[in-house]
Amino acid sequence: MLDKGVLLLATVEERPCTLAELVAATGISRATAHRLAASLLAHGLLRRDGEGRYALGLRLVALGRAAEAALPLGRLAEAALRELRDRTEESAQLWLADGDTRICVASLQSPHGLRTIVETGAVLSLDRGSAGSVLRSRPTELGEGWIASVAEREPGVASVSAPVIDGGRIVAAVGVSGPIERFTTQPGDRYGAAVTAAARAIEAAAGFSA
């Protein structure tokens, strides 16, 4: 039942839904969906909007803030990420591994109109993209100190990421992403030094050891 409740929350993440829309999107029976929605409403995880549709509840705001406070690295990385974004003029992100996925805990968007947009809180697979490759690696496997990917996660998008290391262990990946037409097919040559410098700055801000 917990899995089904989470599925309802994921369904209304994009937009509010009626009960019929929840049933159609999830395949959960109408009776079960109604019962779960009522329970989520009671706990503040769902709410009703002005049209009576189900939407994410305000209790999730407090839970999100508490989760963010438990992961302070995103805040500690803000200055380094801003420097990285301004230096490269490309979108910059900080990623943490979570099982088979990676979570974006901090993100700044490129000033260019044509750019990649990754929101803070985005969850992606570990098996694609330069940040995923970094988080799957050991420091000794990163000979150049960074990893680049071209059209690996999404057509037309390239990225370069470097590891944030504490005590000889990779704890995060910092990187930039953007369109291949600016990154070229050899993006590491252009951005490898910048993302590596950002990783070192984050380690210093967090007081990490080598």
C-alpha atoms as a PDB file:
ATOM      1  CA  MET A   1       0.000   0.000   0.000  1.00  0.00           C
ATOM      2  CA  LEU A   2       2.922   2.314   0.660  1.00  0.00           C
ATOM      3  CA  ASP A   3       4.116   1.801  -2.921  1.00  0.00           C
ATOM      4  CA  LYS A   4       0.679   2.713  -4.218  1.00  0.00           C
ATOM      5  CA  GLY A   5       0.558   5.819  -2.055  1.00  0.00           C
ATOM      6  CA  VAL A   6       3.921   6.953  -3.391  1.00  0.00           C
ATOM      7  CA  LEU A   7       2.647   6.285  -6.921  1.00  0.00           C
ATOM      8  CA  LEU A   8      -0.287   8.642  -6.292  1.00  0.00           C
ATOM      9  CA  LEU A   9       2.091  11.346  -5.076  1.00  0.00           C
ATOM     10  CA  ALA A  10       4.311  10.886  -8.129  1.00  0.00           C
ATOM     11  CA  THR A  11       1.287  11.186 -10.400  1.00  0.00           C
ATOM     12  CA  VAL A  12       0.235  14.583  -9.054  1.00  0.00           C
ATOM     13  CA  GLU A  13       3.838  15.835  -9.002  1.00  0.00           C
ATOM     14  CA  GLU A  14       3.448  17.245 -12.536  1.00  0.00           C
ATOM     15  CA  ARG A  15      -0.084  18.590 -12.192  1.00  0.00           C
ATOM     16  CA  PRO A  16      -3.225  18.259 -10.045  1.00  0.00           C
ATOM     17  CA  CYS A  17      -5.463  15.301 -10.926  1.00  0.00           C
ATOM     18  CA  THR A  18      -9.036  14.222 -10.392  1.00  0.00           C
ATOM     19  CA  LEU A  19      -9.716  10.829  -8.853  1.00  0.00           C
ATOM     20  CA  ALA A  20     -10.585   9.457 -12.290  1.00  0.00           C
ATOM     21  CA  GLU A  21      -7.258  10.731 -13.656  1.00  0.00           C
ATOM     22  CA  LEU A  22      -5.376   9.113 -10.782  1.00  0.00           C
ATOM     23  CA  VAL A  23      -7.066   5.798 -11.470  1.00  0.00           C
ATOM     24  CA  ALA A  24      -6.335   6.016 -15.208  1.00  0.00           C
ATOM     25  CA  ALA A  25      -2.696   7.008 -14.704  1.00  0.00           C
ATOM     26  CA  THR A  26      -1.822   4.463 -12.001  1.00  0.00           C
ATOM     27  CA  GLY A  27      -4.046   1.481 -12.707  1.00  0.00           C
ATOM     28  CA  ILE A  28      -5.039   1.418  -9.035  1.00  0.00           C
ATOM     29  CA  SER A  29      -8.691   0.565  -8.441  1.00  0.00           C
ATOM     30  CA  ARG A  30     -11.008   3.482  -7.807  1.00  0.00           C
ATOM     31  CA  ALA A  31     -11.853   2.312  -4.282  1.00  0.00           C
ATOM     32  CA  THR A  32      -8.208   1.852  -3.320  1.00  0.00           C
ATOM     33  CA  ALA A  33      -7.151   5.157  -4.902  1.00  0.00           C
ATOM     34  CA  HIS A  34      -9.930   6.984  -3.053  1.00  0.00           C
ATOM     35  CA  ARG A  35      -8.964   5.383   0.275  1.00  0.00           C
ATOM     36  CA  LEU A  36      -5.262   6.160  -0.183  1.00  0.00           C
ATOM     37  CA  ALA A  37      -5.948   9.712  -1.291  1.00  0.00           C
ATOM     38  CA  ALA A  38      -8.101  10.295   1.760  1.00  0.00           C
ATOM     39  CA  SER A  39      -5.306   9.042   4.022  1.00  0.00           C
ATOM     40  CA  LEU A  40      -2.724  11.236   2.255  1.00  0.00           C
ATOM     41  CA  LEU A  41      -5.063  14.208   2.634  1.00  0.00           C
ATOM     42  CA  ALA A  42      -5.391  13.555   6.354  1.00  0.00           C
ATOM     43  CA  HIS A  43      -1.594  13.590   6.719  1.00  0.00           C
ATOM     44  CA  GLY A  44      -1.181  16.748   4.642  1.00  0.00           C
ATOM     45  CA  LEU A  45       0.695  14.958   1.870  1.00  0.00           C
ATOM     46  CA  LEU A  46      -2.125  15.714  -0.568  1.00  0.00           C
ATOM     47  CA  ARG A  47      -4.515  18.646  -0.705  1.00  0.00           C
ATOM     48  CA  ARG A  48      -7.470  19.704  -2.829  1.00  0.00           C
ATOM     49  CA  ASP A  49      -7.057  22.660  -5.160  1.00  0.00           C
ATOM     50  CA  GLY A  50      -9.743  25.207  -6.026  1.00  0.00           C
ATOM     51  CA  GLU A  51     -11.276  22.805  -8.546  1.00  0.00           C
ATOM     52  CA  GLY A  52     -11.338  19.872  -6.145  1.00  0.00           C
ATOM     53  CA  ARG A  53      -8.420  18.070  -7.803  1.00  0.00           C
ATOM     54  CA  TYR A  54      -5.716  16.321  -5.822  1.00  0.00           C
ATOM     55  CA  ALA A  55      -2.410  18.198  -5.574  1.00  0.00           C
ATOM     56  CA  LEU A  56       0.774  17.850  -3.538  1.00  0.00           C
ATOM     57  CA  GLY A  57       0.189  18.781   0.091  1.00  0.00           C
ATOM     58  CA  LEU A  58       1.935  21.529   1.984  1.00  0.00           C
ATOM     59  CA  ARG A  59       3.324  19.044   4.512  1.00  0.00           C
ATOM     60  CA  LEU A  60       5.750  18.029   1.762  1.00  0.00           C
ATOM     61  CA  VAL A  61       7.300  21.510   1.879  1.00  0.00           C
ATOM     62  CA  ALA A  62       8.369  20.981   5.490  1.00  0.00           C
ATOM     63  CA  LEU A  63       9.571  17.460   4.755  1.00  0.00           C
ATOM     64  CA  GLY A  64      11.607  18.725   1.807  1.00  0.00           C
ATOM     65  CA  ARG A  65      13.240  21.407   3.938  1.00  0.00           C
ATOM     66  CA  ALA A  66      14.075  18.872   6.623  1.00  0.00           C
ATOM     67  CA  ALA A  67      15.596  16.524   4.040  1.00  0.00           C
ATOM     68  CA  GLU A  68      17.653  19.355   2.575  1.00  0.00           C
ATOM     69  CA  ALA A  69      18.888  20.370   6.027  1.00  0.00           C
ATOM     70  CA  ALA A  70      20.099  16.807   6.559  1.00  0.00           C
ATOM     71  CA  LEU A  71      22.187  17.121   3.371  1.00  0.00           C
ATOM     72  CA  PRO A  72      24.083  20.398   3.850  1.00  0.00           C
ATOM     73  CA  LEU A  73      26.519  19.795   0.988  1.00  0.00           C
ATOM     74  CA  GLY A  74      24.176  21.523  -1.450  1.00  0.00           C
ATOM     75  CA  ARG A  75      24.330  24.734   0.562  1.00  0.00           C
ATOM     76  CA  LEU A  76      28.078  24.483   1.109  1.00  0.00           C
ATOM     77  CA  ALA A  77      28.574  24.092  -2.641  1.00  0.00           C
ATOM     78  CA  GLU A  78      26.609  27.206  -3.629  1.00  0.00           C
ATOM     79  CA  ALA A  79      29.591  29.535  -4.084  1.00  0.00           C
ATOM     80  CA  ALA A  80      31.597  26.979  -6.063  1.00  0.00           C
ATOM     81  CA  LEU A  81      28.608  26.159  -8.267  1.00  0.00           C
ATOM     82  CA  ARG A  82      27.976  29.834  -8.942  1.00  0.00           C
ATOM     83  CA  GLU A  83      31.615  30.331  -9.890  1.00  0.00           C
ATOM     84  CA  LEU A  84      31.436  27.280 -12.159  1.00  0.00           C
ATOM     85  CA  ARG A  85      28.246  28.491 -13.849  1.00  0.00           C
ATOM     86  CA  ASP A  86      29.623  32.001 -14.338  1.00  0.00           C
ATOM     87  CA  ARG A  87      33.006  30.769 -15.572  1.00  0.00           C
ATOM     88  CA  THR A  88      31.557  28.360 -18.142  1.00  0.00           C
ATOM     89  CA  GLU A  89      28.174  30.048 -18.770  1.00  0.00           C
ATOM     90  CA  GLU A  90      26.671  26.570 -18.690  1.00  0.00           C
ATOM     91  CA  SER A  91      24.234  24.868 -16.322  1.00  0.00           C
ATOM     92  CA  ALA A  92      25.958  23.518 -13.213  1.00  0.00           C
ATOM     93  CA  GLN A  93      24.762  20.776 -10.873  1.00  0.00           C
ATOM     94  CA  LEU A  94      25.810  18.858  -7.779  1.00  0.00           C
ATOM     95  CA  TRP A  95      24.741  15.203  -7.571  1.00  0.00           C
ATOM     96  CA  LEU A  96      24.611  12.615  -4.782  1.00  0.00           C
ATOM     97  CA  ALA A  97      24.229   8.873  -5.277  1.00  0.00           C
ATOM     98  CA  ASP A  98      21.171   7.146  -3.821  1.00  0.00           C
ATOM     99  CA  GLY A  99      21.115   3.442  -4.577  1.00  0.00           C
ATOM    100  CA  ASP A 100      20.838   2.994  -8.334  1.00  0.00           C
ATOM    101  CA  THR A 101      19.933   6.642  -8.873  1.00  0.00           C
ATOM    102  CA  ARG A 102      21.491  10.076  -8.465  1.00  0.00           C
ATOM    103  CA  ILE A 103      19.791  13.107  -6.975  1.00  0.00           C
ATOM    104  CA  CYS A 104      20.483  16.706  -7.920  1.00  0.00           C
ATOM    105  CA  VAL A 105      20.924  18.578  -4.614  1.00  0.00           C
ATOM    106  CA  ALA A 106      21.921  21.927  -6.134  1.00  0.00           C
ATOM    107  CA  SER A 107      21.468  23.387  -9.604  1.00  0.00           C
ATOM    108  CA  LEU A 108      22.148  26.682 -11.369  1.00  0.00           C
ATOM    109  CA  GLN A 109      20.965  27.339 -14.908  1.00  0.00           C
ATOM    110  CA  SER A 110      22.986  28.668 -17.826  1.00  0.00           C
ATOM    111  CA  PRO A 111      22.247  32.245 -18.936  1.00  0.00           C
ATOM    112  CA  HIS A 112      21.948  31.040 -22.544  1.00  0.00           C
ATOM    113  CA  GLY A 113      18.502  30.618 -24.045  1.00  0.00           C
ATOM    114  CA  LEU A 114      19.503  27.200 -25.381  1.00  0.00           C
ATOM    115  CA  ARG A 115      20.485  25.222 -22.285  1.00  0.00           C
ATOM    116  CA  THR A 116      19.865  22.079 -20.308  1.00  0.00           C
ATOM    117  CA  ILE A 117      17.537  22.481 -17.355  1.00  0.00           C
ATOM    118  CA  VAL A 118      17.910  20.154 -14.388  1.00  0.00           C
ATOM    119  CA  GLU A 119      15.865  21.116 -11.355  1.00  0.00           C
ATOM    120  CA  THR A 120      17.074  20.649  -7.798  1.00  0.00           C
ATOM    121  CA  GLY A 121      15.529  17.392  -6.608  1.00  0.00           C
ATOM    122  CA  ALA A 122      15.687  15.723 -10.025  1.00  0.00           C
ATOM    123  CA  VAL A 123      16.347  11.975  -9.858  1.00  0.00           C
ATOM    124  CA  LEU A 124      18.201  10.276 -12.715  1.00  0.00           C
ATOM    125  CA  SER A 125      19.755   6.899 -13.302  1.00  0.00           C
ATOM    126  CA  LEU A 126      23.361   6.253 -12.340  1.00  0.00           C
ATOM    127  CA  ASP A 127      24.050   4.346 -15.542  1.00  0.00           C
ATOM    128  CA  ARG A 128      24.093   7.336 -17.920  1.00  0.00           C
ATOM    129  CA  GLY A 129      25.741  10.734 -18.026  1.00  0.00           C
ATOM    130  CA  SER A 130      29.080  11.950 -16.751  1.00  0.00           C
ATOM    131  CA  ALA A 131      27.868  12.524 -13.180  1.00  0.00           C
ATOM    132  CA  GLY A 132      26.546   8.977 -13.002  1.00  0.00           C
ATOM    133  CA  SER A 133      29.861   7.640 -14.269  1.00  0.00           C
ATOM    134  CA  VAL A 134      31.733   9.653 -11.629  1.00  0.00           C
ATOM    135  CA  LEU A 135      29.513   8.399  -8.818  1.00  0.00           C
ATOM    136  CA  ARG A 136      30.027   4.791  -9.938  1.00  0.00           C
ATOM    137  CA  SER A 137      33.814   5.173  -9.974  1.00  0.00           C
ATOM    138  CA  ARG A 138      36.684   5.115  -7.500  1.00  0.00           C
ATOM    139  CA  PRO A 139      39.042   8.093  -7.325  1.00  0.00           C
ATOM    140  CA  THR A 140      41.900   5.965  -8.686  1.00  0.00           C
ATOM    141  CA  GLU A 141      39.871   5.213 -11.820  1.00  0.00           C
ATOM    142  CA  LEU A 142      39.578   8.879 -12.814  1.00  0.00           C
ATOM    143  CA  GLY A 143      42.912   9.424 -14.443  1.00  0.00           C
ATOM    144  CA  GLU A 144      42.198  12.959 -15.693  1.00  0.00           C
ATOM    145  CA  GLY A 145      40.116  13.900 -12.669  1.00  0.00           C
ATOM    146  CA  TRP A 146      36.912  14.285 -14.690  1.00  0.00           C
ATOM    147  CA  ILE A 147      34.564  12.328 -16.964  1.00  0.00           C
ATOM    148  CA  ALA A 148      32.774  13.627 -20.063  1.00  0.00           C
ATOM    149  CA  SER A 149      29.707  12.261 -21.837  1.00  0.00           C
ATOM    150  CA  VAL A 150      28.203  13.166 -25.208  1.00  0.00           C
ATOM    151  CA  ALA A 151      24.574  12.314 -26.050  1.00  0.00           C
ATOM    152  CA  GLU A 152      24.678   9.538 -23.460  1.00  0.00           C
ATOM    153  CA  ARG A 153      21.774  10.587 -21.267  1.00  0.00           C
ATOM    154  CA  GLU A 154      19.863  12.625 -23.806  1.00  0.00           C
ATOM    155  CA  PRO A 155      20.349  13.317 -27.542  1.00  0.00           C
ATOM    156  CA  GLY A 156      22.051  16.645 -28.198  1.00  0.00           C
ATOM    157  CA  VAL A 157      23.312  17.058 -24.626  1.00  0.00           C
ATOM    158  CA  ALA A 158      26.881  16.792 -23.346  1.00  0.00           C
ATOM    159  CA  SER A 159      28.297  17.065 -19.839  1.00  0.00           C
ATOM    160  CA  VAL A 160      31.522  17.034 -17.857  1.00  0.00           C
ATOM    161  CA  SER A 161      31.710  16.059 -14.188  1.00  0.00           C
ATOM    162  CA  ALA A 162      34.364  15.711 -11.486  1.00  0.00           C
ATOM    163  CA  PRO A 163      34.294  13.911  -8.129  1.00  0.00           C
ATOM    164  CA  VAL A 164      33.967  15.579  -4.748  1.00  0.00           C
ATOM    165  CA  ILE A 165      36.147  13.448  -2.470  1.00  0.00           C
ATOM    166  CA  ASP A 166      36.259  13.034   1.294  1.00  0.00           C
ATOM    167  CA  GLY A 167      38.709  10.666   2.958  1.00  0.00           C
ATOM    168  CA  GLY A 168      39.514   8.938  -0.317  1.00  0.00           C
ATOM    169  CA  ARG A 169      35.812   8.311  -1.068  1.00  0.00           C
ATOM    170  CA  ILE A 170      33.692   9.944  -3.765  1.00  0.00           C
ATOM    171  CA  VAL A 171      30.750  11.586  -1.986  1.00  0.00           C
ATOM    172  CA  ALA A 172      29.329  13.717  -4.804  1.00  0.00           C
ATOM    173  CA  ALA A 173      29.760  14.720  -8.430  1.00  0.00           C
ATOM    174  CA  VAL A 174      29.845  18.312  -9.671  1.00  0.00           C
ATOM    175  CA  GLY A 175      29.483  19.126 -13.329  1.00  0.00           C
ATOM    176  CA  VAL A 176      28.211  21.240 -16.177  1.00  0.00           C
ATOM    177  CA  SER A 177      25.825  20.247 -18.953  1.00  0.00           C
ATOM    178  CA  GLY A 178      24.614  21.849 -22.144  1.00  0.00           C
ATOM    179  CA  PRO A 179      24.038  21.469 -25.889  1.00  0.00           C
ATOM    180  CA  ILE A 180      26.651  19.626 -27.912  1.00  0.00           C
ATOM    181  CA  GLU A 181      26.882  22.528 -30.341  1.00  0.00           C
ATOM    182  CA  ARG A 182      28.595  24.562 -27.605  1.00  0.00           C
ATOM    183  CA  PHE A 183      30.254  21.716 -25.727  1.00  0.00           C
ATOM    184  CA  THR A 184      31.555  20.017 -28.909  1.00  0.00           C
ATOM    185  CA  THR A 185      32.245  16.297 -29.037  1.00  0.00           C
ATOM    186  CA  GLN A 186      35.284  16.771 -26.775  1.00  0.00           C
ATOM    187  CA  PRO A 187      33.749  18.711 -23.873  1.00  0.00           C
ATOM    188  CA  GLY A 188      36.391  17.640 -21.377  1.00  0.00           C
ATOM    189  CA  ASP A 189      39.024  19.670 -23.195  1.00  0.00           C
ATOM    190  CA  ARG A 190      36.903  22.760 -22.666  1.00  0.00           C
ATOM    191  CA  TYR A 191      35.392  22.255 -19.218  1.00  0.00           C
ATOM    192  CA  GLY A 192      37.462  19.584 -17.437  1.00  0.00           C
ATOM    193  CA  ALA A 193      39.658  22.086 -15.613  1.00  0.00           C
ATOM    194  CA  ALA A 194      36.683  24.180 -14.510  1.00  0.00           C
ATOM    195  CA  VAL A 195      34.682  21.291 -13.016  1.00  0.00           C
ATOM    196  CA  THR A 196      37.796  19.916 -11.314  1.00  0.00           C
ATOM    197  CA  ALA A 197      38.462  23.325  -9.731  1.00  0.00           C
ATOM    198  CA  ALA A 198      34.834  23.453  -8.572  1.00  0.00           C
ATOM    199  CA  ALA A 199      35.180  20.025  -6.953  1.00  0.00           C
ATOM    200  CA  ARG A 200      38.242  21.144  -5.017  1.00  0.00           C
ATOM    201  CA  ALA A 201      36.444  24.327  -3.912  1.00  0.00           C
ATOM    202  CA  ILE A 202      33.489  22.300  -2.627  1.00  0.00           C
ATOM    203  CA  GLU A 203      35.810  19.995  -0.700  1.00  0.00           C
ATOM    204  CA  ALA A 204      37.455  23.012   0.914  1.00  0.00           C
ATOM    205  CA  ALA A 205      34.105  24.596   1.801  1.00  0.00           C
ATOM    206  CA  ALA A 206      32.923  21.349   3.378  1.00  0.00           C
ATOM    207  CA  GLY A 207      36.191  20.748   5.228  1.00  0.00           C
ATOM    208  CA  PHE A 208      36.728  17.398   3.525  1.00  0.00           C
ATOM    209  CA  SER A 209      40.047  15.546   3.762  1.00  0.00           C
ATOM    210  CA  ALA A 210      41.940  14.112   0.811  1.00  0.00           C
END
